[in-house]
Amino acid sequence: MLRFLIRRSLGAVVILLIISALTFFLFYSIPRDPALLACGKNCTPDALKVIRENMGIDKPVPAQYWEYMIGIFTGRDFAVGPCPAPCLGYSFVDDSPVWETILDRFPTTLSLALGGSVVFLVVGLGSGMLAAAKRGTLVDKVFSAGSLVLSSMQIYFIGPLVIALFVYQLEWLQQPRYVEFTSDPVGWFSGLFLPWCVLSIIFTAEYTRMSRSTMIEQLQEDHVRTARAKGLSRRTVFFRYAWRGSLIPIVTIFGIHLGSLFGGAMITEFTFTLPGLGRLAVQSVLNTDLPMLMGVMLFAASAIIVCNVVVDAVYAFIDPRVRLS
């Protein structure tokens, strides 16, 4: 098991290095003058000089990349001041440290991702398993049809509707906002409840269909039929044998979704005006803030890779054959 995780972790480090190199090359090498691009329309010679010093574009691209990666672990010195490790540079817009800005925005994204994941896992897996258990009945048809309808919905369409209905018209909920869980748990829950529900709509439909199909497939396996022939109860067969075997494809897609959400749920954050990483990434693109955009992309890539390593570990826990392969 340990060797299995070490191999996966080393592979994840290599992938992350490749992603960082490609991203750095795209951002800092392809533009003819990245400093002029970052300086904007009202650029002055002094501002352009500071940006070039910060970016180090007077050096070869491999040297720039090496200094950038070393700065993540040891820190760097910029014209605007020292940057302690982990250093991802300074923003071109307001000279704020990229890493501190990411840490400031990440709790919002983390809360949104975890809360939404709980909702769509509980509702999606529960409805999918119920549809599989009641295959061919009215319950199965209702859940299957409902998942098709929900999968066609869009967050930017549903979000304003639920805000207008539940916040302004019925006044059942407060305006979506983020507050720290440690300072106000009730306000944290009530402020993110609507974004969680709206974010989970599309995912719930996907997990309903997937859990239903994988469960039906597992119920036809030989070991499940053997368990039935031995006289085990339907509940035992369903949860002990079929349900565990159906988890692998669900865990796979959940790892991808969770990593993506940790990197920022852009549409949801913009729809509900939540200051998360997704909103920060879009603002960085609009402002041509290359250091901030680079930092957010590396953070998002790291989140996806870490989630995939965790998924591999869960594989080994669910199916012992994975540990032996």
C-alpha atoms as a PDB file:
ATOM      1  CA  MET A   1       0.000   0.000   0.000  1.00  0.00           C
ATOM      2  CA  LEU A   2       2.813   2.402   0.898  1.00  0.00           C
ATOM      3  CA  ARG A   3       4.731   1.652  -2.301  1.00  0.00           C
ATOM      4  CA  PHE A   4       1.533   2.187  -4.270  1.00  0.00           C
ATOM      5  CA  LEU A   5       1.010   5.649  -2.752  1.00  0.00           C
ATOM      6  CA  ILE A   6       4.677   6.602  -3.195  1.00  0.00           C
ATOM      7  CA  ARG A   7       4.528   5.767  -6.905  1.00  0.00           C
ATOM      8  CA  ARG A   8       1.370   7.805  -7.340  1.00  0.00           C
ATOM      9  CA  SER A   9       2.801  10.743  -5.383  1.00  0.00           C
ATOM     10  CA  LEU A  10       6.019  10.820  -7.414  1.00  0.00           C
ATOM     11  CA  GLY A  11       3.993  10.723 -10.617  1.00  0.00           C
ATOM     12  CA  ALA A  12       1.870  13.610  -9.338  1.00  0.00           C
ATOM     13  CA  VAL A  13       4.985  15.711  -8.648  1.00  0.00           C
ATOM     14  CA  VAL A  14       6.259  15.113 -12.177  1.00  0.00           C
ATOM     15  CA  ILE A  15       2.896  16.066 -13.675  1.00  0.00           C
ATOM     16  CA  LEU A  16       2.782  19.241 -11.586  1.00  0.00           C
ATOM     17  CA  LEU A  17       6.266  20.239 -12.753  1.00  0.00           C
ATOM     18  CA  ILE A  18       5.252  19.725 -16.376  1.00  0.00           C
ATOM     19  CA  ILE A  19       2.102  21.800 -15.890  1.00  0.00           C
ATOM     20  CA  SER A  20       4.056  24.605 -14.223  1.00  0.00           C
ATOM     21  CA  ALA A  21       6.650  24.660 -17.025  1.00  0.00           C
ATOM     22  CA  LEU A  22       4.030  24.719 -19.777  1.00  0.00           C
ATOM     23  CA  THR A  23       1.994  27.405 -18.012  1.00  0.00           C
ATOM     24  CA  PHE A  24       5.057  29.564 -17.409  1.00  0.00           C
ATOM     25  CA  PHE A  25       6.100  29.233 -21.053  1.00  0.00           C
ATOM     26  CA  LEU A  26       2.641  30.194 -22.296  1.00  0.00           C
ATOM     27  CA  PHE A  27       2.377  33.236 -20.048  1.00  0.00           C
ATOM     28  CA  TYR A  28       5.898  34.616 -20.199  1.00  0.00           C
ATOM     29  CA  SER A  29       7.393  33.457 -23.507  1.00  0.00           C
ATOM     30  CA  ILE A  30       4.725  33.589 -26.203  1.00  0.00           C
ATOM     31  CA  PRO A  31       3.776  37.292 -25.698  1.00  0.00           C
ATOM     32  CA  ARG A  32       6.257  39.564 -27.478  1.00  0.00           C
ATOM     33  CA  ASP A  33       6.585  41.796 -24.396  1.00  0.00           C
ATOM     34  CA  PRO A  34       4.861  40.403 -21.286  1.00  0.00           C
ATOM     35  CA  ALA A  35       5.846  43.482 -19.284  1.00  0.00           C
ATOM     36  CA  LEU A  36       4.126  45.829 -21.728  1.00  0.00           C
ATOM     37  CA  LEU A  37       1.105  43.531 -21.800  1.00  0.00           C
ATOM     38  CA  ALA A  38       0.872  43.588 -18.021  1.00  0.00           C
ATOM     39  CA  CYS A  39       1.479  47.314 -17.754  1.00  0.00           C
ATOM     40  CA  GLY A  40      -1.793  48.187 -19.511  1.00  0.00           C
ATOM     41  CA  LYS A  41      -2.860  51.142 -21.642  1.00  0.00           C
ATOM     42  CA  ASN A  42      -1.713  53.930 -19.297  1.00  0.00           C
ATOM     43  CA  CYS A  43       1.775  52.529 -18.952  1.00  0.00           C
ATOM     44  CA  THR A  44       4.658  54.781 -17.921  1.00  0.00           C
ATOM     45  CA  PRO A  45       8.370  54.083 -18.415  1.00  0.00           C
ATOM     46  CA  ASP A  46       8.895  53.847 -14.650  1.00  0.00           C
ATOM     47  CA  ALA A  47       6.051  51.366 -14.226  1.00  0.00           C
ATOM     48  CA  LEU A  48       7.334  49.335 -17.181  1.00  0.00           C
ATOM     49  CA  LYS A  49      10.792  49.215 -15.626  1.00  0.00           C
ATOM     50  CA  VAL A  50       9.440  47.953 -12.289  1.00  0.00           C
ATOM     51  CA  ILE A  51       7.395  45.251 -13.998  1.00  0.00           C
ATOM     52  CA  ARG A  52      10.384  44.077 -16.033  1.00  0.00           C
ATOM     53  CA  GLU A  53      12.479  43.882 -12.880  1.00  0.00           C
ATOM     54  CA  ASN A  54       9.761  41.882 -11.128  1.00  0.00           C
ATOM     55  CA  MET A  55       9.367  39.510 -14.054  1.00  0.00           C
ATOM     56  CA  GLY A  56      13.080  39.158 -14.761  1.00  0.00           C
ATOM     57  CA  ILE A  57      12.469  39.102 -18.504  1.00  0.00           C
ATOM     58  CA  ASP A  58      16.017  40.274 -19.176  1.00  0.00           C
ATOM     59  CA  LYS A  59      17.111  36.689 -18.495  1.00  0.00           C
ATOM     60  CA  PRO A  60      16.598  33.538 -20.611  1.00  0.00           C
ATOM     61  CA  VAL A  61      13.272  31.777 -20.162  1.00  0.00           C
ATOM     62  CA  PRO A  62      14.763  28.691 -18.428  1.00  0.00           C
ATOM     63  CA  ALA A  63      16.486  30.985 -15.917  1.00  0.00           C
ATOM     64  CA  GLN A  64      13.222  32.835 -15.302  1.00  0.00           C
ATOM     65  CA  TYR A  65      11.407  29.563 -14.689  1.00  0.00           C
ATOM     66  CA  TRP A  66      14.166  28.301 -12.383  1.00  0.00           C
ATOM     67  CA  GLU A  67      14.005  31.453 -10.258  1.00  0.00           C
ATOM     68  CA  TYR A  68      10.218  31.223 -10.149  1.00  0.00           C
ATOM     69  CA  MET A  69      10.260  27.612  -8.909  1.00  0.00           C
ATOM     70  CA  ILE A  70      13.089  28.247  -6.418  1.00  0.00           C
ATOM     71  CA  GLY A  71      11.152  31.235  -5.096  1.00  0.00           C
ATOM     72  CA  ILE A  72       8.239  28.981  -4.202  1.00  0.00           C
ATOM     73  CA  PHE A  73      10.442  27.152  -1.689  1.00  0.00           C
ATOM     74  CA  THR A  74      12.969  29.803  -0.618  1.00  0.00           C
ATOM     75  CA  GLY A  75      11.356  33.153  -1.386  1.00  0.00           C
ATOM     76  CA  ARG A  76      12.540  35.982  -3.646  1.00  0.00           C
ATOM     77  CA  ASP A  77      13.265  39.693  -3.596  1.00  0.00           C
ATOM     78  CA  PHE A  78      11.268  42.002  -5.867  1.00  0.00           C
ATOM     79  CA  ALA A  79      11.338  45.717  -6.558  1.00  0.00           C
ATOM     80  CA  VAL A  80       8.177  46.110  -4.462  1.00  0.00           C
ATOM     81  CA  GLY A  81       9.700  44.235  -1.528  1.00  0.00           C
ATOM     82  CA  PRO A  82      10.741  40.798  -0.297  1.00  0.00           C
ATOM     83  CA  CYS A  83       8.481  37.825  -1.014  1.00  0.00           C
ATOM     84  CA  PRO A  84       8.763  35.057   1.616  1.00  0.00           C
ATOM     85  CA  ALA A  85       8.232  31.415   0.721  1.00  0.00           C
ATOM     86  CA  PRO A  86       6.000  30.152  -0.726  1.00  0.00           C
ATOM     87  CA  CYS A  87       6.481  33.004  -3.175  1.00  0.00           C
ATOM     88  CA  LEU A  88       4.296  33.212  -6.274  1.00  0.00           C
ATOM     89  CA  GLY A  89       5.157  36.827  -7.006  1.00  0.00           C
ATOM     90  CA  TYR A  90       3.257  40.087  -6.660  1.00  0.00           C
ATOM     91  CA  SER A  91       0.108  41.188  -8.435  1.00  0.00           C
ATOM     92  CA  PHE A  92       0.542  43.696 -11.245  1.00  0.00           C
ATOM     93  CA  VAL A  93      -2.727  45.397 -10.277  1.00  0.00           C
ATOM     94  CA  ASP A  94      -2.285  46.272  -6.603  1.00  0.00           C
ATOM     95  CA  ASP A  95       1.180  44.869  -5.715  1.00  0.00           C
ATOM     96  CA  SER A  96      -0.385  42.375  -3.311  1.00  0.00           C
ATOM     97  CA  PRO A  97       1.375  39.024  -2.697  1.00  0.00           C
ATOM     98  CA  VAL A  98      -0.171  36.346  -4.876  1.00  0.00           C
ATOM     99  CA  TRP A  99       0.045  33.616  -2.236  1.00  0.00           C
ATOM    100  CA  GLU A 100      -1.622  35.721   0.457  1.00  0.00           C
ATOM    101  CA  THR A 101      -4.422  36.673  -1.941  1.00  0.00           C
ATOM    102  CA  ILE A 102      -5.012  33.010  -2.793  1.00  0.00           C
ATOM    103  CA  LEU A 103      -5.114  32.078   0.893  1.00  0.00           C
ATOM    104  CA  ASP A 104      -7.585  34.897   1.515  1.00  0.00           C
ATOM    105  CA  ARG A 105      -9.924  33.659  -1.243  1.00  0.00           C
ATOM    106  CA  PHE A 106      -9.531  29.912  -0.684  1.00  0.00           C
ATOM    107  CA  PRO A 107     -11.800  29.565   2.406  1.00  0.00           C
ATOM    108  CA  THR A 108     -14.755  30.764   0.322  1.00  0.00           C
ATOM    109  CA  THR A 109     -14.021  28.272  -2.434  1.00  0.00           C
ATOM    110  CA  LEU A 110     -13.349  25.500   0.079  1.00  0.00           C
ATOM    111  CA  SER A 111     -16.651  26.099   1.859  1.00  0.00           C
ATOM    112  CA  LEU A 112     -18.522  26.203  -1.432  1.00  0.00           C
ATOM    113  CA  ALA A 113     -16.854  23.022  -2.725  1.00  0.00           C
ATOM    114  CA  LEU A 114     -17.293  20.935   0.429  1.00  0.00           C
ATOM    115  CA  GLY A 115     -20.869  22.011   1.094  1.00  0.00           C
ATOM    116  CA  GLY A 116     -21.929  21.508  -2.510  1.00  0.00           C
ATOM    117  CA  SER A 117     -20.203  18.115  -2.609  1.00  0.00           C
ATOM    118  CA  VAL A 118     -22.103  16.915   0.446  1.00  0.00           C
ATOM    119  CA  VAL A 119     -25.404  17.945  -1.135  1.00  0.00           C
ATOM    120  CA  PHE A 120     -24.896  16.379  -4.545  1.00  0.00           C
ATOM    121  CA  LEU A 121     -23.327  13.199  -3.137  1.00  0.00           C
ATOM    122  CA  VAL A 122     -26.109  12.570  -0.646  1.00  0.00           C
ATOM    123  CA  VAL A 123     -28.943  13.435  -3.032  1.00  0.00           C
ATOM    124  CA  GLY A 124     -27.349  12.043  -6.191  1.00  0.00           C
ATOM    125  CA  LEU A 125     -26.129   8.734  -4.798  1.00  0.00           C
ATOM    126  CA  GLY A 126     -29.254   8.249  -2.725  1.00  0.00           C
ATOM    127  CA  SER A 127     -31.638   8.808  -5.635  1.00  0.00           C
ATOM    128  CA  GLY A 128     -29.486   6.714  -7.984  1.00  0.00           C
ATOM    129  CA  MET A 129     -29.346   3.767  -5.601  1.00  0.00           C
ATOM    130  CA  LEU A 130     -33.080   4.001  -4.973  1.00  0.00           C
ATOM    131  CA  ALA A 131     -33.733   4.063  -8.726  1.00  0.00           C
ATOM    132  CA  ALA A 132     -31.532   0.974  -9.174  1.00  0.00           C
ATOM    133  CA  ALA A 133     -33.296  -0.859  -6.343  1.00  0.00           C
ATOM    134  CA  LYS A 134     -36.697   0.023  -7.889  1.00  0.00           C
ATOM    135  CA  ARG A 135     -35.613  -0.614 -11.465  1.00  0.00           C
ATOM    136  CA  GLY A 136     -38.471  -0.458 -13.956  1.00  0.00           C
ATOM    137  CA  THR A 137     -40.945   1.059 -11.485  1.00  0.00           C
ATOM    138  CA  LEU A 138     -42.449   4.532 -11.381  1.00  0.00           C
ATOM    139  CA  VAL A 139     -39.791   5.639  -8.882  1.00  0.00           C
ATOM    140  CA  ASP A 140     -37.043   4.680 -11.309  1.00  0.00           C
ATOM    141  CA  LYS A 141     -38.694   6.530 -14.174  1.00  0.00           C
ATOM    142  CA  VAL A 142     -39.263   9.676 -12.108  1.00  0.00           C
ATOM    143  CA  PHE A 143     -35.642   9.852 -10.918  1.00  0.00           C
ATOM    144  CA  SER A 144     -34.264   9.090 -14.388  1.00  0.00           C
ATOM    145  CA  ALA A 145     -36.442  11.736 -16.036  1.00  0.00           C
ATOM    146  CA  GLY A 146     -35.666  14.238 -13.300  1.00  0.00           C
ATOM    147  CA  SER A 147     -31.917  13.745 -13.764  1.00  0.00           C
ATOM    148  CA  LEU A 148     -32.237  14.471 -17.483  1.00  0.00           C
ATOM    149  CA  VAL A 149     -34.140  17.686 -16.783  1.00  0.00           C
ATOM    150  CA  LEU A 150     -31.700  18.868 -14.103  1.00  0.00           C
ATOM    151  CA  SER A 151     -28.649  18.118 -16.252  1.00  0.00           C
ATOM    152  CA  SER A 152     -29.909  20.622 -18.838  1.00  0.00           C
ATOM    153  CA  MET A 153     -30.142  23.446 -16.285  1.00  0.00           C
ATOM    154  CA  GLN A 154     -27.485  26.152 -16.031  1.00  0.00           C
ATOM    155  CA  ILE A 155     -26.220  27.781 -12.845  1.00  0.00           C
ATOM    156  CA  TYR A 156     -26.314  31.322 -14.249  1.00  0.00           C
ATOM    157  CA  PHE A 157     -30.001  30.782 -15.093  1.00  0.00           C
ATOM    158  CA  ILE A 158     -31.148  29.071 -11.895  1.00  0.00           C
ATOM    159  CA  GLY A 159     -29.105  31.254  -9.538  1.00  0.00           C
ATOM    160  CA  PRO A 160     -30.897  34.581 -10.144  1.00  0.00           C
ATOM    161  CA  LEU A 161     -34.274  32.798 -10.072  1.00  0.00           C
ATOM    162  CA  VAL A 162     -33.745  31.219  -6.646  1.00  0.00           C
ATOM    163  CA  ILE A 163     -32.353  34.498  -5.276  1.00  0.00           C
ATOM    164  CA  ALA A 164     -35.400  36.407  -6.522  1.00  0.00           C
ATOM    165  CA  LEU A 165     -37.779  33.771  -5.150  1.00  0.00           C
ATOM    166  CA  PHE A 166     -36.300  32.727  -1.786  1.00  0.00           C
ATOM    167  CA  VAL A 167     -34.436  35.920  -0.834  1.00  0.00           C
ATOM    168  CA  TYR A 168     -36.498  38.843  -2.140  1.00  0.00           C
ATOM    169  CA  GLN A 169     -40.020  37.486  -2.638  1.00  0.00           C
ATOM    170  CA  LEU A 170     -40.522  34.831   0.053  1.00  0.00           C
ATOM    171  CA  GLU A 171     -37.742  36.181   2.317  1.00  0.00           C
ATOM    172  CA  TRP A 172     -36.980  32.681   3.613  1.00  0.00           C
ATOM    173  CA  LEU A 173     -33.213  33.027   3.188  1.00  0.00           C
ATOM    174  CA  GLN A 174     -30.693  35.823   3.400  1.00  0.00           C
ATOM    175  CA  GLN A 175     -28.602  37.175   0.555  1.00  0.00           C
ATOM    176  CA  PRO A 176     -25.831  34.654  -0.276  1.00  0.00           C
ATOM    177  CA  ARG A 177     -22.549  35.668   1.307  1.00  0.00           C
ATOM    178  CA  TYR A 178     -19.519  34.156   2.944  1.00  0.00           C
ATOM    179  CA  VAL A 179     -18.668  34.519   6.604  1.00  0.00           C
ATOM    180  CA  GLU A 180     -16.037  32.579   8.497  1.00  0.00           C
ATOM    181  CA  PHE A 181     -17.285  29.343  10.008  1.00  0.00           C
ATOM    182  CA  THR A 182     -15.340  29.874  13.217  1.00  0.00           C
ATOM    183  CA  SER A 183     -16.870  33.299  13.836  1.00  0.00           C
ATOM    184  CA  ASP A 184     -20.493  32.567  12.863  1.00  0.00           C
ATOM    185  CA  PRO A 185     -21.393  28.938  11.979  1.00  0.00           C
ATOM    186  CA  VAL A 186     -25.088  29.738  11.521  1.00  0.00           C
ATOM    187  CA  GLY A 187     -24.342  32.701   9.244  1.00  0.00           C
ATOM    188  CA  TRP A 188     -21.841  30.563   7.314  1.00  0.00           C
ATOM    189  CA  PHE A 189     -24.458  27.880   6.685  1.00  0.00           C
ATOM    190  CA  SER A 190     -27.339  30.219   5.846  1.00  0.00           C
ATOM    191  CA  GLY A 191     -25.172  32.406   3.615  1.00  0.00           C
ATOM    192  CA  LEU A 192     -23.967  29.474   1.492  1.00  0.00           C
ATOM    193  CA  PHE A 193     -27.070  27.285   1.504  1.00  0.00           C
ATOM    194  CA  LEU A 194     -28.455  28.629  -1.792  1.00  0.00           C
ATOM    195  CA  PRO A 195     -25.091  28.443  -3.621  1.00  0.00           C
ATOM    196  CA  TRP A 196     -24.665  24.845  -2.401  1.00  0.00           C
ATOM    197  CA  CYS A 197     -28.066  23.816  -3.712  1.00  0.00           C
ATOM    198  CA  VAL A 198     -27.653  25.540  -7.069  1.00  0.00           C
ATOM    199  CA  LEU A 199     -24.103  24.242  -7.534  1.00  0.00           C
ATOM    200  CA  SER A 200     -25.237  20.691  -6.773  1.00  0.00           C
ATOM    201  CA  ILE A 201     -28.108  20.620  -9.291  1.00  0.00           C
ATOM    202  CA  ILE A 202     -26.073  19.625 -12.340  1.00  0.00           C
ATOM    203  CA  PHE A 203     -23.782  17.329 -10.339  1.00  0.00           C
ATOM    204  CA  THR A 204     -26.737  15.645  -8.650  1.00  0.00           C
ATOM    205  CA  ALA A 205     -28.196  14.699 -12.028  1.00  0.00           C
ATOM    206  CA  GLU A 206     -24.877  13.207 -13.148  1.00  0.00           C
ATOM    207  CA  TYR A 207     -24.373  11.206  -9.970  1.00  0.00           C
ATOM    208  CA  THR A 208     -27.950   9.935 -10.073  1.00  0.00           C
ATOM    209  CA  ARG A 209     -27.470   8.501 -13.560  1.00  0.00           C
ATOM    210  CA  MET A 210     -24.018   7.132 -12.823  1.00  0.00           C
ATOM    211  CA  SER A 211     -24.875   5.496  -9.502  1.00  0.00           C
ATOM    212  CA  ARG A 212     -27.995   3.942 -11.025  1.00  0.00           C
ATOM    213  CA  SER A 213     -26.160   2.469 -14.008  1.00  0.00           C
ATOM    214  CA  THR A 214     -23.185   1.171 -12.006  1.00  0.00           C
ATOM    215  CA  MET A 215     -25.439  -0.326  -9.349  1.00  0.00           C
ATOM    216  CA  ILE A 216     -27.562  -2.121 -11.942  1.00  0.00           C
ATOM    217  CA  GLU A 217     -24.383  -3.459 -13.542  1.00  0.00           C
ATOM    218  CA  GLN A 218     -23.064  -4.700 -10.205  1.00  0.00           C
ATOM    219  CA  LEU A 219     -26.335  -6.421  -9.375  1.00  0.00           C
ATOM    220  CA  GLN A 220     -25.797  -8.615 -12.449  1.00  0.00           C
ATOM    221  CA  GLU A 221     -22.291  -9.716 -11.413  1.00  0.00           C
ATOM    222  CA  ASP A 222     -21.663 -13.377 -10.550  1.00  0.00           C
ATOM    223  CA  HIS A 223     -20.520 -12.747  -6.983  1.00  0.00           C
ATOM    224  CA  VAL A 224     -23.718 -10.803  -6.254  1.00  0.00           C
ATOM    225  CA  ARG A 225     -25.859 -13.584  -7.699  1.00  0.00           C
ATOM    226  CA  THR A 226     -23.915 -16.084  -5.611  1.00  0.00           C
ATOM    227  CA  ALA A 227     -24.607 -14.047  -2.479  1.00  0.00           C
ATOM    228  CA  ARG A 228     -28.302 -14.086  -3.338  1.00  0.00           C
ATOM    229  CA  ALA A 229     -28.215 -17.842  -3.904  1.00  0.00           C
ATOM    230  CA  LYS A 230     -26.703 -18.338  -0.455  1.00  0.00           C
ATOM    231  CA  GLY A 231     -29.823 -16.810   1.038  1.00  0.00           C
ATOM    232  CA  LEU A 232     -28.423 -13.477   2.177  1.00  0.00           C
ATOM    233  CA  SER A 233     -30.932 -10.719   2.656  1.00  0.00           C
ATOM    234  CA  ARG A 234     -31.549  -8.265  -0.154  1.00  0.00           C
ATOM    235  CA  ARG A 235     -30.251  -5.421   1.983  1.00  0.00           C
ATOM    236  CA  THR A 236     -27.000  -7.246   2.737  1.00  0.00           C
ATOM    237  CA  VAL A 237     -26.457  -8.104  -0.916  1.00  0.00           C
ATOM    238  CA  PHE A 238     -27.246  -4.558  -1.994  1.00  0.00           C
ATOM    239  CA  PHE A 239     -24.972  -2.686   0.411  1.00  0.00           C
ATOM    240  CA  ARG A 240     -22.211  -5.191   1.196  1.00  0.00           C
ATOM    241  CA  TYR A 241     -21.571  -6.582  -2.283  1.00  0.00           C
ATOM    242  CA  ALA A 242     -23.118  -4.481  -5.032  1.00  0.00           C
ATOM    243  CA  TRP A 243     -22.702  -1.011  -3.518  1.00  0.00           C
ATOM    244  CA  ARG A 244     -18.967  -1.364  -2.829  1.00  0.00           C
ATOM    245  CA  GLY A 245     -18.246  -2.559  -6.338  1.00  0.00           C
ATOM    246  CA  SER A 246     -20.155   0.361  -7.844  1.00  0.00           C
ATOM    247  CA  LEU A 247     -18.089   2.974  -6.006  1.00  0.00           C
ATOM    248  CA  ILE A 248     -14.955   2.934  -8.191  1.00  0.00           C
ATOM    249  CA  PRO A 249     -16.326   4.914 -11.181  1.00  0.00           C
ATOM    250  CA  ILE A 250     -18.141   7.246  -8.778  1.00  0.00           C
ATOM    251  CA  VAL A 251     -14.956   7.907  -6.802  1.00  0.00           C
ATOM    252  CA  THR A 252     -13.137   8.605 -10.071  1.00  0.00           C
ATOM    253  CA  ILE A 253     -15.521  11.296 -11.243  1.00  0.00           C
ATOM    254  CA  PHE A 254     -15.859  12.728  -7.733  1.00  0.00           C
ATOM    255  CA  GLY A 255     -12.099  13.224  -7.484  1.00  0.00           C
ATOM    256  CA  ILE A 256     -12.108  15.181 -10.740  1.00  0.00           C
ATOM    257  CA  HIS A 257     -15.096  17.270  -9.697  1.00  0.00           C
ATOM    258  CA  LEU A 258     -13.762  18.015  -6.215  1.00  0.00           C
ATOM    259  CA  GLY A 259     -10.360  19.060  -7.538  1.00  0.00           C
ATOM    260  CA  SER A 260     -12.009  21.353 -10.064  1.00  0.00           C
ATOM    261  CA  LEU A 261     -14.196  22.906  -7.380  1.00  0.00           C
ATOM    262  CA  PHE A 262     -11.166  23.500  -5.140  1.00  0.00           C
ATOM    263  CA  GLY A 263      -9.640  25.367  -8.058  1.00  0.00           C
ATOM    264  CA  GLY A 264     -12.664  27.648  -8.165  1.00  0.00           C
ATOM    265  CA  ALA A 265     -16.326  27.339  -9.146  1.00  0.00           C
ATOM    266  CA  MET A 266     -16.261  30.356 -11.449  1.00  0.00           C
ATOM    267  CA  ILE A 267     -19.886  30.495 -12.591  1.00  0.00           C
ATOM    268  CA  THR A 268     -21.297  29.909  -9.107  1.00  0.00           C
ATOM    269  CA  GLU A 269     -19.018  32.475  -7.502  1.00  0.00           C
ATOM    270  CA  PHE A 270     -19.902  35.097 -10.099  1.00  0.00           C
ATOM    271  CA  THR A 271     -23.616  34.311  -9.926  1.00  0.00           C
ATOM    272  CA  PHE A 272     -23.745  34.736  -6.149  1.00  0.00           C
ATOM    273  CA  THR A 273     -20.946  37.371  -5.902  1.00  0.00           C
ATOM    274  CA  LEU A 274     -18.728  35.189  -3.739  1.00  0.00           C
ATOM    275  CA  PRO A 275     -15.043  36.201  -3.464  1.00  0.00           C
ATOM    276  CA  GLY A 276     -13.480  32.840  -4.278  1.00  0.00           C
ATOM    277  CA  LEU A 277     -10.657  31.564  -6.460  1.00  0.00           C
ATOM    278  CA  GLY A 278     -12.824  31.228  -9.556  1.00  0.00           C
ATOM    279  CA  ARG A 279     -13.798  34.873  -9.400  1.00  0.00           C
ATOM    280  CA  LEU A 280     -10.167  35.794  -8.756  1.00  0.00           C
ATOM    281  CA  ALA A 281      -9.064  33.870 -11.859  1.00  0.00           C
ATOM    282  CA  VAL A 282     -11.561  35.666 -14.095  1.00  0.00           C
ATOM    283  CA  GLN A 283     -10.580  39.063 -12.671  1.00  0.00           C
ATOM    284  CA  SER A 284      -6.913  38.230 -13.285  1.00  0.00           C
ATOM    285  CA  VAL A 285      -7.673  37.468 -16.926  1.00  0.00           C
ATOM    286  CA  LEU A 286      -9.588  40.718 -17.361  1.00  0.00           C
ATOM    287  CA  ASN A 287      -6.784  42.709 -15.701  1.00  0.00           C
ATOM    288  CA  THR A 288      -3.987  40.812 -17.503  1.00  0.00           C
ATOM    289  CA  ASP A 289      -2.527  40.072 -14.088  1.00  0.00           C
ATOM    290  CA  LEU A 290      -0.106  37.318 -15.113  1.00  0.00           C
ATOM    291  CA  PRO A 291       1.430  36.504 -11.690  1.00  0.00           C
ATOM    292  CA  MET A 292      -1.996  36.211 -10.072  1.00  0.00           C
ATOM    293  CA  LEU A 293      -3.355  34.087 -12.913  1.00  0.00           C
ATOM    294  CA  MET A 294      -0.254  31.885 -12.858  1.00  0.00           C
ATOM    295  CA  GLY A 295      -0.603  31.388  -9.111  1.00  0.00           C
ATOM    296  CA  VAL A 296      -4.292  30.493  -9.305  1.00  0.00           C
ATOM    297  CA  MET A 297      -3.663  28.015 -12.130  1.00  0.00           C
ATOM    298  CA  LEU A 298      -0.851  26.299 -10.226  1.00  0.00           C
ATOM    299  CA  PHE A 299      -3.004  26.139  -7.118  1.00  0.00           C
ATOM    300  CA  ALA A 300      -5.913  24.664  -9.076  1.00  0.00           C
ATOM    301  CA  ALA A 301      -3.641  22.139 -10.798  1.00  0.00           C
ATOM    302  CA  SER A 302      -2.205  21.120  -7.423  1.00  0.00           C
ATOM    303  CA  ALA A 303      -5.710  20.646  -6.016  1.00  0.00           C
ATOM    304  CA  ILE A 304      -6.721  18.412  -8.931  1.00  0.00           C
ATOM    305  CA  ILE A 305      -3.535  16.340  -8.693  1.00  0.00           C
ATOM    306  CA  VAL A 306      -3.833  15.909  -4.912  1.00  0.00           C
ATOM    307  CA  CYS A 307      -7.454  14.817  -5.287  1.00  0.00           C
ATOM    308  CA  ASN A 308      -6.404  12.261  -7.899  1.00  0.00           C
ATOM    309  CA  VAL A 309      -3.756  10.847  -5.549  1.00  0.00           C
ATOM    310  CA  VAL A 310      -6.407  10.575  -2.834  1.00  0.00           C
ATOM    311  CA  VAL A 311      -8.681   8.828  -5.349  1.00  0.00           C
ATOM    312  CA  ASP A 312      -5.914   6.302  -6.063  1.00  0.00           C
ATOM    313  CA  ALA A 313      -5.621   5.635  -2.336  1.00  0.00           C
ATOM    314  CA  VAL A 314      -9.383   5.134  -2.086  1.00  0.00           C
ATOM    315  CA  TYR A 315      -9.166   2.699  -5.029  1.00  0.00           C
ATOM    316  CA  ALA A 316      -6.687   0.625  -3.080  1.00  0.00           C
ATOM    317  CA  PHE A 317      -8.974   0.673  -0.052  1.00  0.00           C
ATOM    318  CA  ILE A 318     -12.105  -0.314  -1.996  1.00  0.00           C
ATOM    319  CA  ASP A 319     -10.523  -2.933  -4.270  1.00  0.00           C
ATOM    320  CA  PRO A 320      -7.523  -4.916  -2.935  1.00  0.00           C
ATOM    321  CA  ARG A 321      -6.643  -5.915  -6.501  1.00  0.00           C
ATOM    322  CA  VAL A 322      -5.460  -2.344  -7.095  1.00  0.00           C
ATOM    323  CA  ARG A 323      -2.852  -2.664  -4.342  1.00  0.00           C
ATOM    324  CA  LEU A 324      -1.520  -5.865  -5.883  1.00  0.00           C
ATOM    325  CA  SER A 325      -1.323  -4.580  -9.468  1.00  0.00           C
END
